[in-house]
């Protein structure tokens, strides 16, 4: 075969060698290997780019995770930071109709050596004169005698009257040595008839001896924080070292009146006790004439000795409120003074109800990872007995609660306080406590919560970066 070059001349070309089948296969295989190597090189280049991108992404995510964790840790909790809020009384509408001017308040006429008027439900003192002065209290002593007896015995226990108990003079329930009466019968004899013999019989039954019982009375007084009280006997006859104050006696009466059986006893006009050897029973008559003089009266106990003068611990209930008064050495007008105090309390005061014990007034966050909550509540009723010319100062209370507390939190732990009548002479601060406990979560729970909080932070960032997602 001839070929023509650029000059136009023909040249004879050498004949091409025909490849054998084996050579042809070798060339194909070589080409295939080359293509495979080229493809692997290309794949490696792609994989390297992907690995680089993944490594960079993981590093970025790890960096974000660490940064988010540090941010969460840095912003978790608060350091004794309080949040203030206002709380209005639940009965605010009713209170607005009860406001009085100062010159409308009618003050009681009290000439006793010492006196006090207390709201039984709130413990608020509505009136006092020489309320912390220690004075003899005569048979009003028997309120504590009854309280200690009821706290340390049951009403159906049998009591054998001793020779000594039956010999105690002055006011008497005519007990005979050796006779057997129940604790309940002797309590009626104690509180209605003011039986000194009944007081000693109960003392010996409860404590084994009169002196041991007196020690129990004084121990109970210390438990109640009564710093102006000391007992020398269970009946109240004049004796050195036997005294109390109007405030302390009101506290004892409040404790006793919280017991239904005591309340029932002191409200009774009469009570009959069998009298062996006589054709008729012993009739115990209540010496407390207030039960007849004052329709709202519900108790409690009179007392008189030459040294103590005329004394009266009284209670009355009207319009859902109960008041307790104490008159020590009140003179002949002690009944009128008591009624004057009661009327003063009922006519010139109103209950301001913010919340009752256990009702939530605020929420407090607890711990981190996970963060929980507890309610801040009053450890006691957040209810106040307020003179009606001062009601305007109680239109709002200020709640000051911690925003956050660390784990663990115990039920009853103090979380803040409530201030009422702020800026006035009657301002008071009431503690607020946790209504429940929150223990520290275990490690797994905290770890899961921590990771969840980080992803939650990321998601917030995504939603910020991509509005409407």
Protein backbone atom coordinates (compact mmCIF):
# COMPACT_ATOMS: atom_id res chain seq x y z
CA UNK A 1 0.00 0.00 0.00
CA UNK A 2 1.32 3.40 -1.06
CA UNK A 3 1.06 6.64 0.87
CA UNK A 4 1.39 10.14 -0.53
CA UNK A 5 3.62 12.54 1.40
CA UNK A 6 3.35 16.33 1.48
CA UNK A 7 5.47 16.69 -1.71
CA UNK A 8 3.08 14.58 -3.65
CA UNK A 9 5.34 11.61 -3.94
CA UNK A 10 4.13 8.21 -3.27
CA UNK A 11 5.88 5.98 -0.79
CA UNK A 12 5.32 2.41 -0.15
CA UNK A 13 4.24 1.73 3.45
CA UNK A 14 5.30 -1.39 5.21
CA UNK A 15 2.54 -3.80 5.85
CA UNK A 16 1.05 -3.69 9.48
CA UNK A 17 1.56 -6.68 11.69
CA UNK A 18 -1.56 -8.45 12.64
CA UNK A 19 -1.85 -8.95 16.45
CA UNK A 20 -2.46 -12.33 17.71
CA UNK A 21 -5.43 -13.07 19.94
CA UNK A 22 -3.17 -13.41 22.93
CA UNK A 23 -1.57 -10.01 22.31
CA UNK A 24 -4.98 -8.46 21.81
CA UNK A 25 -6.19 -9.86 25.16
CA UNK A 26 -3.08 -8.57 26.91
CA UNK A 27 -3.63 -5.07 25.56
CA UNK A 28 -7.27 -5.10 26.70
CA UNK A 29 -6.34 -6.28 30.15
CA UNK A 30 -3.69 -3.60 30.41
CA UNK A 31 -6.18 -0.96 29.43
CA UNK A 32 -8.67 -2.25 31.98
CA UNK A 33 -6.04 -2.11 34.72
CA UNK A 34 -5.17 1.42 33.79
CA UNK A 35 -8.84 2.44 33.92
CA UNK A 36 -9.26 0.77 37.31
CA UNK A 37 -6.21 2.51 38.72
CA UNK A 38 -7.50 5.80 37.39
CA UNK A 39 -10.92 5.15 38.95
CA UNK A 40 -9.36 4.24 42.31
CA UNK A 41 -7.26 7.39 42.28
CA UNK A 42 -10.40 9.42 41.54
CA UNK A 43 -12.30 7.63 44.34
CA UNK A 44 -9.48 8.27 46.77
CA UNK A 45 -9.53 11.94 45.88
CA UNK A 46 -13.28 12.05 46.50
CA UNK A 47 -13.00 10.08 49.78
CA UNK A 48 -10.26 12.34 51.01
CA UNK A 49 -12.41 15.41 50.36
CA UNK A 50 -15.37 13.74 52.15
CA UNK A 51 -13.23 12.71 55.13
CA UNK A 52 -11.82 16.21 55.36
CA UNK A 53 -15.32 17.69 55.30
CA UNK A 54 -16.61 15.20 57.91
CA UNK A 55 -13.61 15.80 60.16
CA UNK A 56 -14.12 19.53 59.91
CA UNK A 57 -17.85 19.13 60.67
CA UNK A 58 -17.20 16.87 63.68
CA UNK A 59 -14.62 19.31 64.99
CA UNK A 60 -17.08 22.17 64.54
CA UNK A 61 -19.86 20.24 66.29
CA UNK A 62 -17.56 19.29 69.13
CA UNK A 63 -16.49 22.89 69.48
CA UNK A 64 -20.12 24.01 69.50
CA UNK A 65 -21.00 21.29 72.04
CA UNK A 66 -18.21 22.39 74.36
CA UNK A 67 -19.10 26.05 73.91
CA UNK A 68 -22.80 25.32 74.54
CA UNK A 69 -21.96 23.25 77.59
CA UNK A 70 -19.77 26.01 78.98
CA UNK A 71 -22.53 28.52 78.28
CA UNK A 72 -25.13 26.31 80.00
CA UNK A 73 -22.90 25.81 83.00
CA UNK A 74 -22.03 29.48 83.17
CA UNK A 75 -25.68 30.57 82.99
CA UNK A 76 -27.15 27.84 85.20
CA UNK A 77 -28.61 28.89 88.55
CA UNK A 78 -28.58 32.19 90.33
CA UNK A 79 -26.66 33.39 93.36
CA UNK A 80 -29.14 34.43 96.05
CA UNK A 81 -31.14 36.44 93.53
CA UNK A 82 -34.62 37.38 94.76
CA UNK A 83 -37.63 38.11 92.61
CA UNK A 84 -40.26 40.49 93.98
CA UNK A 85 -43.96 40.26 93.18
CA UNK A 86 -47.18 41.51 94.69
CA UNK A 87 -50.02 39.50 96.20
CA UNK A 88 -53.48 40.88 96.96
CA UNK A 89 -55.76 39.46 99.67
CA UNK A 90 -58.22 36.87 98.41
CA UNK A 91 -61.02 38.76 100.21
CA UNK A 92 -59.95 42.21 98.99
CA UNK A 93 -63.43 43.11 97.73
CA UNK A 94 -64.99 42.46 101.14
CA UNK A 95 -62.26 44.43 102.90
CA UNK A 96 -62.87 47.54 100.85
CA UNK A 97 -66.32 47.81 102.43
CA UNK A 98 -64.94 47.44 105.98
CA UNK A 99 -62.43 50.28 106.06
CA UNK A 100 -63.00 52.65 108.99
CA UNK A 101 -61.55 56.02 109.91
CA UNK A 102 -59.38 56.15 113.00
CA UNK A 103 -61.87 58.22 114.96
CA UNK A 104 -64.53 55.55 114.37
CA UNK A 105 -62.62 52.91 116.37
CA UNK A 106 -64.09 52.42 119.84
CA UNK A 107 -61.37 51.53 122.35
CA UNK A 108 -62.17 49.13 125.23
CA UNK A 109 -62.28 50.24 128.85
CA UNK A 110 -59.83 48.04 130.79
CA UNK A 111 -58.67 48.68 134.35
CA UNK A 112 -57.17 45.23 135.12
CA UNK A 113 -53.58 44.86 136.26
CA UNK A 114 -52.91 42.97 133.03
CA UNK A 115 -55.02 42.04 130.02
CA UNK A 116 -54.74 40.73 126.48
CA UNK A 117 -57.05 40.08 123.53
CA UNK A 118 -55.91 37.54 120.94
CA UNK A 119 -57.38 36.22 117.71
CA UNK A 120 -57.33 32.45 118.25
CA UNK A 121 -56.91 31.57 114.56
CA UNK A 122 -54.09 33.94 113.64
CA UNK A 123 -52.47 34.51 117.03
CA UNK A 124 -52.57 38.25 116.39
CA UNK A 125 -52.71 40.39 119.51
CA UNK A 126 -55.53 42.90 119.17
CA UNK A 127 -55.14 44.60 122.54
CA UNK A 128 -52.78 44.33 125.49
CA UNK A 129 -51.86 46.02 128.71
CA UNK A 130 -48.97 44.75 130.86
CA UNK A 131 -49.29 41.50 128.94
CA UNK A 132 -45.80 40.28 129.87
CA UNK A 133 -45.97 41.13 133.58
CA UNK A 134 -45.73 38.03 135.77
CA UNK A 135 -48.68 37.83 138.17
CA UNK A 136 -50.46 35.17 140.25
CA UNK A 137 -53.35 33.63 138.32
CA UNK A 138 -55.42 31.65 140.87
CA UNK A 139 -57.57 28.85 139.38
CA UNK A 140 -56.91 29.85 135.78
CA UNK A 141 -53.89 27.61 136.49
CA UNK A 142 -56.27 24.71 135.84
CA UNK A 143 -56.22 25.41 132.08
CA UNK A 144 -52.63 24.10 132.02
CA UNK A 145 -53.57 21.27 134.40
CA UNK A 146 -56.26 20.18 131.95
CA UNK A 147 -53.96 20.56 128.94
CA UNK A 148 -51.18 18.38 130.42
CA UNK A 149 -53.76 15.81 131.59
CA UNK A 150 -55.39 15.53 128.15
CA UNK A 151 -52.03 15.25 126.43
CA UNK A 152 -50.93 12.40 128.70
CA UNK A 153 -54.05 10.31 129.34
CA UNK A 154 -57.30 9.16 127.77
CA UNK A 155 -60.76 10.23 128.86
CA UNK A 156 -61.91 6.74 129.92
CA UNK A 157 -58.99 5.95 132.25
CA UNK A 158 -59.99 5.24 135.84
CA UNK A 159 -58.54 7.37 138.63
CA UNK A 160 -58.52 6.34 142.27
CA UNK A 161 -58.76 9.39 144.53
CA UNK A 162 -56.06 9.45 147.20
CA UNK A 163 -56.45 10.57 150.81
CA UNK A 164 -54.21 13.54 150.06
CA UNK A 165 -56.23 14.62 147.00
CA UNK A 166 -59.51 14.45 148.89
CA UNK A 167 -58.09 16.64 151.65
CA UNK A 168 -57.23 19.66 149.45
CA UNK A 169 -59.38 22.53 150.67
CA UNK A 170 -61.22 25.58 149.37
CA UNK A 171 -62.96 24.95 146.03
CA UNK A 172 -63.93 21.29 146.06
CA UNK A 173 -65.71 18.63 144.01
CA UNK A 174 -66.41 16.67 147.25
CA UNK A 175 -64.19 13.74 146.28
CA UNK A 176 -63.86 10.86 148.76
CA UNK A 177 -60.65 8.92 149.31
CA UNK A 178 -60.76 5.60 147.51
CA UNK A 179 -63.53 6.43 145.07
CA UNK A 180 -62.90 5.75 141.40
CA UNK A 181 -63.78 8.27 138.69
CA UNK A 182 -62.76 8.63 135.06
CA UNK A 183 -60.36 11.25 133.77
CA UNK A 184 -63.28 12.82 131.89
CA UNK A 185 -65.39 13.16 135.04
CA UNK A 186 -62.51 14.73 136.94
CA UNK A 187 -61.85 17.20 134.08
CA UNK A 188 -65.45 18.42 134.36
CA UNK A 189 -65.01 18.74 138.12
CA UNK A 190 -61.75 20.62 137.48
CA UNK A 191 -63.00 23.12 134.89
CA UNK A 192 -66.62 23.70 135.96
CA UNK A 193 -66.57 23.31 139.75
CA UNK A 194 -62.88 24.38 139.91
CA UNK A 195 -62.22 21.44 142.22
CA UNK A 196 -58.78 21.65 143.80
CA UNK A 197 -59.21 18.03 144.91
CA UNK A 198 -59.85 17.05 141.28
CA UNK A 199 -56.66 18.81 140.17
CA UNK A 200 -54.51 16.83 142.60
CA UNK A 201 -56.26 13.55 141.77
CA UNK A 202 -55.51 14.08 138.08
CA UNK A 203 -51.93 15.14 138.83
CA UNK A 204 -51.25 11.99 140.85
CA UNK A 205 -52.84 9.80 138.19
CA UNK A 206 -50.84 11.30 135.29
CA UNK A 207 -47.44 11.76 136.96
CA UNK A 208 -47.52 9.65 140.12
CA UNK A 209 -47.32 12.64 142.42
CA UNK A 210 -48.33 16.28 142.58
CA UNK A 211 -44.71 17.46 142.45
CA UNK A 212 -43.93 15.33 139.40
CA UNK A 213 -46.99 16.71 137.65
CA UNK A 214 -45.94 20.28 138.41
CA UNK A 215 -42.60 19.48 136.77
CA UNK A 216 -44.55 18.34 133.69
CA UNK A 217 -46.51 21.61 133.70
CA UNK A 218 -43.31 23.64 133.79
CA UNK A 219 -41.71 21.49 131.09
CA UNK A 220 -44.74 22.09 128.86
CA UNK A 221 -44.50 25.81 129.53
CA UNK A 222 -40.87 25.78 128.41
CA UNK A 223 -41.81 23.86 125.26
CA UNK A 224 -44.33 26.59 124.44
CA UNK A 225 -41.72 29.28 125.07
CA UNK A 226 -43.60 30.80 127.99
CA UNK A 227 -40.84 32.81 129.64
CA UNK A 228 -43.03 34.55 132.22
CA UNK A 229 -44.68 31.43 133.68
CA UNK A 230 -43.82 29.13 136.57
CA UNK A 231 -46.11 26.64 138.34
CA UNK A 232 -45.83 25.54 141.96
CA UNK A 233 -49.07 23.53 142.11
CA UNK A 234 -51.81 22.24 139.76
CA UNK A 235 -54.73 24.14 141.31
CA UNK A 236 -53.68 27.79 141.67
CA UNK A 237 -53.84 28.40 145.41
CA UNK A 238 -51.45 31.18 146.40
CA UNK A 239 -47.89 29.90 146.65
CA UNK A 240 -44.45 31.40 146.23
CA UNK A 241 -43.10 30.92 142.71
CA UNK A 242 -46.54 30.41 141.16
CA UNK A 243 -47.22 32.97 138.42
CA UNK A 244 -47.86 33.61 134.74
CA UNK A 245 -48.52 36.53 132.37
CA UNK A 246 -51.59 37.45 130.36
CA UNK A 247 -49.77 36.62 127.11
CA UNK A 248 -48.56 33.23 128.34
CA UNK A 249 -51.98 32.32 129.70
CA UNK A 250 -53.59 33.21 126.37
CA UNK A 251 -51.15 30.87 124.63
CA UNK A 252 -52.01 28.03 127.03
CA UNK A 253 -55.73 28.66 126.46
CA UNK A 254 -55.28 28.63 122.67
CA UNK A 255 -53.52 25.27 122.86
CA UNK A 256 -56.26 23.81 125.07
CA UNK A 257 -59.11 25.17 122.93
CA UNK A 258 -57.62 23.39 119.93
CA UNK A 259 -58.73 20.13 121.59
CA UNK A 260 -62.39 19.27 121.01
CA UNK A 261 -62.88 17.58 124.37
CA UNK A 262 -61.62 20.63 126.25
CA UNK A 263 -63.81 22.94 124.19
CA UNK A 264 -66.85 20.79 125.01
CA UNK A 265 -66.06 20.73 128.73
CA UNK A 266 -65.59 24.49 129.21
CA UNK A 267 -68.79 25.29 127.29
CA UNK A 268 -70.96 23.09 129.55
CA UNK A 269 -73.17 24.82 132.11
CA UNK A 270 -73.51 21.79 134.39
CA UNK A 271 -72.29 18.21 134.64
CA UNK A 272 -73.41 15.37 136.93
CA UNK A 273 -71.03 12.94 138.62
CA UNK A 274 -72.30 9.93 140.61
CA UNK A 275 -71.95 10.31 144.38
CA UNK A 276 -71.65 6.98 146.22
CA UNK A 277 -73.58 6.91 149.47
CA UNK A 278 -75.86 9.79 148.46
CA UNK A 279 -79.33 9.59 146.89
CA UNK A 280 -78.42 12.23 144.32
CA UNK A 281 -75.43 12.92 142.03
CA UNK A 282 -72.88 15.68 142.44
CA UNK A 283 -73.75 18.55 140.13
CA UNK A 284 -70.76 20.46 138.80
CA UNK A 285 -71.80 24.04 137.99
CA UNK A 286 -69.73 26.22 135.70
CA UNK A 287 -68.37 29.25 137.57
CA UNK A 288 -67.89 31.10 134.30
CA UNK A 289 -70.86 33.50 134.29
CA UNK A 290 -69.74 34.88 130.93
CA UNK A 291 -71.52 31.93 129.29
CA UNK A 292 -74.79 33.54 130.43
CA UNK A 293 -73.80 37.19 130.22
CA UNK A 294 -72.40 37.15 126.66
CA UNK A 295 -74.18 35.14 123.94
CA UNK A 296 -70.98 34.61 121.91
CA UNK A 297 -69.04 33.17 124.87
CA UNK A 298 -67.64 29.63 124.54
CA UNK A 299 -65.48 29.29 127.73
CA UNK A 300 -63.01 29.12 129.56
CA UNK A 301 -62.05 29.52 133.28
CA UNK A 302 -62.42 31.86 136.23
CA UNK A 303 -60.04 32.26 139.15
CA UNK A 304 -59.82 34.08 142.47
CA UNK A 305 -57.52 34.26 145.48
CA UNK A 306 -56.80 37.13 147.83
CA UNK A 307 -53.35 37.53 146.27
CA UNK A 308 -54.31 37.08 142.60
CA UNK A 309 -57.57 39.00 142.67
CA UNK A 310 -60.32 38.20 140.18
CA UNK A 311 -59.05 36.56 137.02
CA UNK A 312 -60.74 35.30 133.89
CA UNK A 313 -59.62 33.47 130.78
CA UNK A 314 -62.45 33.69 128.25
CA UNK A 315 -63.25 32.73 124.68
CA UNK A 316 -66.04 33.72 122.31
CA UNK A 317 -67.01 33.05 118.71
CA UNK A 318 -68.88 35.30 116.30
CA UNK A 319 -69.10 35.51 112.50
CA UNK A 320 -66.59 32.68 112.08
CA UNK A 321 -63.96 34.31 114.29
CA UNK A 322 -62.86 33.22 117.75
CA UNK A 323 -61.24 35.54 120.29
CA UNK A 324 -59.48 34.76 123.56
CA UNK A 325 -59.12 37.25 126.40
CA UNK A 326 -57.19 37.13 129.66
CA UNK A 327 -57.89 39.42 132.61
CA UNK A 328 -55.56 39.25 135.64
CA UNK A 329 -56.56 41.05 138.84
CA UNK A 330 -59.49 42.69 137.13
CA UNK A 331 -61.46 43.87 140.15
CA UNK A 332 -65.23 43.72 140.41
CA UNK A 333 -65.76 44.79 136.79
CA UNK A 334 -63.76 41.96 135.24
CA UNK A 335 -66.86 40.57 133.48
CA UNK A 336 -67.59 43.94 131.88
CA UNK A 337 -63.95 44.41 130.93
CA UNK A 338 -63.95 41.03 129.20
CA UNK A 339 -67.12 41.82 127.25
CA UNK A 340 -65.69 45.22 126.30
CA UNK A 341 -62.56 43.53 124.94
CA UNK A 342 -64.61 40.98 123.00
CA UNK A 343 -66.82 43.64 121.41
CA UNK A 344 -63.76 45.70 120.53
CA UNK A 345 -62.25 42.69 118.76
CA UNK A 346 -65.37 41.72 116.85
CA UNK A 347 -66.47 45.23 115.83
CA UNK A 348 -63.18 46.88 114.95
CA UNK A 349 -61.11 44.15 113.27
CA UNK A 350 -61.27 42.14 110.07
CA UNK A 351 -59.44 39.14 108.67
CA UNK A 352 -57.10 39.85 105.76
CA UNK A 353 -56.61 36.57 103.90
CA UNK A 354 -53.59 36.35 101.58
CA UNK A 355 -53.17 32.57 101.59
CA UNK A 356 -53.55 29.63 103.92
CA UNK A 357 -50.75 27.27 104.91
CA UNK A 358 -49.76 25.14 101.93
CA UNK A 359 -51.26 27.39 99.26
CA UNK A 360 -48.65 28.38 96.62
CA UNK A 361 -47.76 32.06 96.43
CA UNK A 362 -44.70 31.74 94.14
CA UNK A 363 -42.66 29.24 92.09
CA UNK A 364 -38.95 28.69 92.61
CA UNK A 365 -36.67 26.88 90.14
CA UNK A 366 -34.46 24.13 91.54
CA UNK A 367 -31.09 22.83 90.32
CA UNK A 368 -29.87 22.22 86.78
CA UNK A 369 -29.77 19.22 84.44
CA UNK A 370 -32.67 18.80 84.86
CA UNK A 371 -34.13 22.01 86.24
CA UNK A 372 -37.22 21.50 88.38
CA UNK A 373 -39.57 23.64 90.47
CA UNK A 374 -41.14 23.84 93.92
CA UNK A 375 -43.91 25.99 95.35
CA UNK A 376 -43.18 28.66 97.93
CA UNK A 377 -45.89 28.52 100.60
CA UNK A 378 -46.54 29.94 104.01
CA UNK A 379 -45.39 27.71 106.87
CA UNK A 380 -48.50 29.01 108.65
CA UNK A 381 -51.65 30.75 107.47
CA UNK A 382 -50.83 34.07 105.81
CA UNK A 383 -53.93 35.57 107.40
CA UNK A 384 -53.92 38.66 109.59
CA UNK A 385 -56.40 40.21 111.99
CA UNK A 386 -56.21 43.91 111.21
CA UNK A 387 -57.87 46.88 112.85
CA UNK A 388 -60.24 48.36 110.34
CA UNK A 389 -58.64 51.81 110.29
CA UNK A 390 -55.38 50.13 109.16
CA UNK A 391 -56.83 48.02 106.34
CA UNK A 392 -55.52 50.36 103.63
CA UNK A 393 -51.96 49.23 104.48
CA UNK A 394 -52.88 45.61 103.75
CA UNK A 395 -54.12 46.07 100.17
CA UNK A 396 -51.01 44.28 98.87
CA UNK A 397 -48.23 42.13 100.22
CA UNK A 398 -44.76 41.90 98.69
CA UNK A 399 -43.49 38.41 97.91
CA UNK A 400 -39.69 38.13 97.88
CA UNK A 401 -38.56 34.67 96.72
CA UNK A 402 -35.31 33.24 95.46
CA UNK A 403 -35.40 32.74 91.71
CA UNK A 404 -33.29 29.57 91.91
CA UNK A 405 -31.88 27.23 94.54
CA UNK A 406 -29.43 24.34 94.09
CA UNK A 407 -30.14 20.67 94.74
CA UNK A 408 -31.12 19.27 97.17
CA UNK A 409 -34.18 21.10 98.51
CA UNK A 410 -36.01 19.88 101.62
CA UNK A 411 -39.70 20.30 102.31
CA UNK A 412 -40.04 23.25 104.68
CA UNK A 413 -36.76 24.86 103.54
CA UNK A 414 -37.00 28.64 103.61
CA UNK A 415 -37.14 30.18 100.14
CA UNK A 416 -38.11 33.77 100.84
CA UNK A 417 -40.51 35.94 102.77
CA UNK A 418 -43.68 37.99 102.50
CA UNK A 419 -43.90 41.56 103.79
CA UNK A 420 -47.24 43.04 104.84
CA UNK A 421 -48.08 46.60 105.89
CA UNK A 422 -44.70 47.63 104.51
CA UNK A 423 -43.43 50.98 105.72
CA UNK A 424 -45.86 51.19 108.62
CA UNK A 425 -45.50 50.59 112.36
CA UNK A 426 -47.31 47.30 111.87
CA UNK A 427 -45.01 45.92 109.16
CA UNK A 428 -44.34 42.21 109.52
CA UNK A 429 -42.29 39.66 107.61
CA UNK A 430 -43.56 36.11 107.20
CA UNK A 431 -41.29 33.26 106.01
CA UNK A 432 -42.07 31.32 102.84
CA UNK A 433 -40.93 27.71 102.57
CA UNK A 434 -40.79 24.89 100.03
CA UNK A 435 -43.88 22.71 99.84
CA UNK A 436 -41.86 19.66 98.69
CA UNK A 437 -38.39 18.17 98.56
CA UNK A 438 -36.22 17.77 95.46
CA UNK A 439 -33.30 15.34 95.73
CA UNK A 440 -30.19 15.51 93.54
CA UNK A 441 -30.71 13.50 90.29
CA UNK A 442 -28.35 10.60 89.52
CA UNK A 443 -25.43 10.91 87.08
CA UNK A 444 -27.27 9.34 84.12
CA UNK A 445 -30.26 11.63 84.48
CA UNK A 446 -28.02 14.68 84.77
CA UNK A 447 -25.95 13.63 81.72
CA UNK A 448 -29.00 13.06 79.53
CA UNK A 449 -30.48 16.36 80.65
CA UNK A 450 -27.21 18.17 79.96
CA UNK A 451 -27.02 16.82 76.39
CA UNK A 452 -30.67 17.67 75.86
CA UNK A 453 -30.09 21.21 77.03
CA UNK A 454 -27.21 21.62 74.58
CA UNK A 455 -29.31 20.44 71.65
CA UNK A 456 -32.10 22.69 72.86
CA UNK A 457 -29.69 25.61 72.72
CA UNK A 458 -28.67 24.65 69.18
CA UNK A 459 -32.28 24.44 68.10
CA UNK A 460 -32.89 27.94 69.43
CA UNK A 461 -29.93 29.10 67.37
CA UNK A 462 -31.30 27.41 64.24
CA UNK A 463 -34.70 29.02 64.72
CA UNK A 464 -33.01 32.36 65.21
CA UNK A 465 -30.91 31.91 62.06
CA UNK A 466 -33.82 30.59 59.97
CA UNK A 467 -36.93 32.53 60.95
CA UNK A 468 -40.18 30.65 60.50
CA UNK A 469 -38.63 27.20 60.59
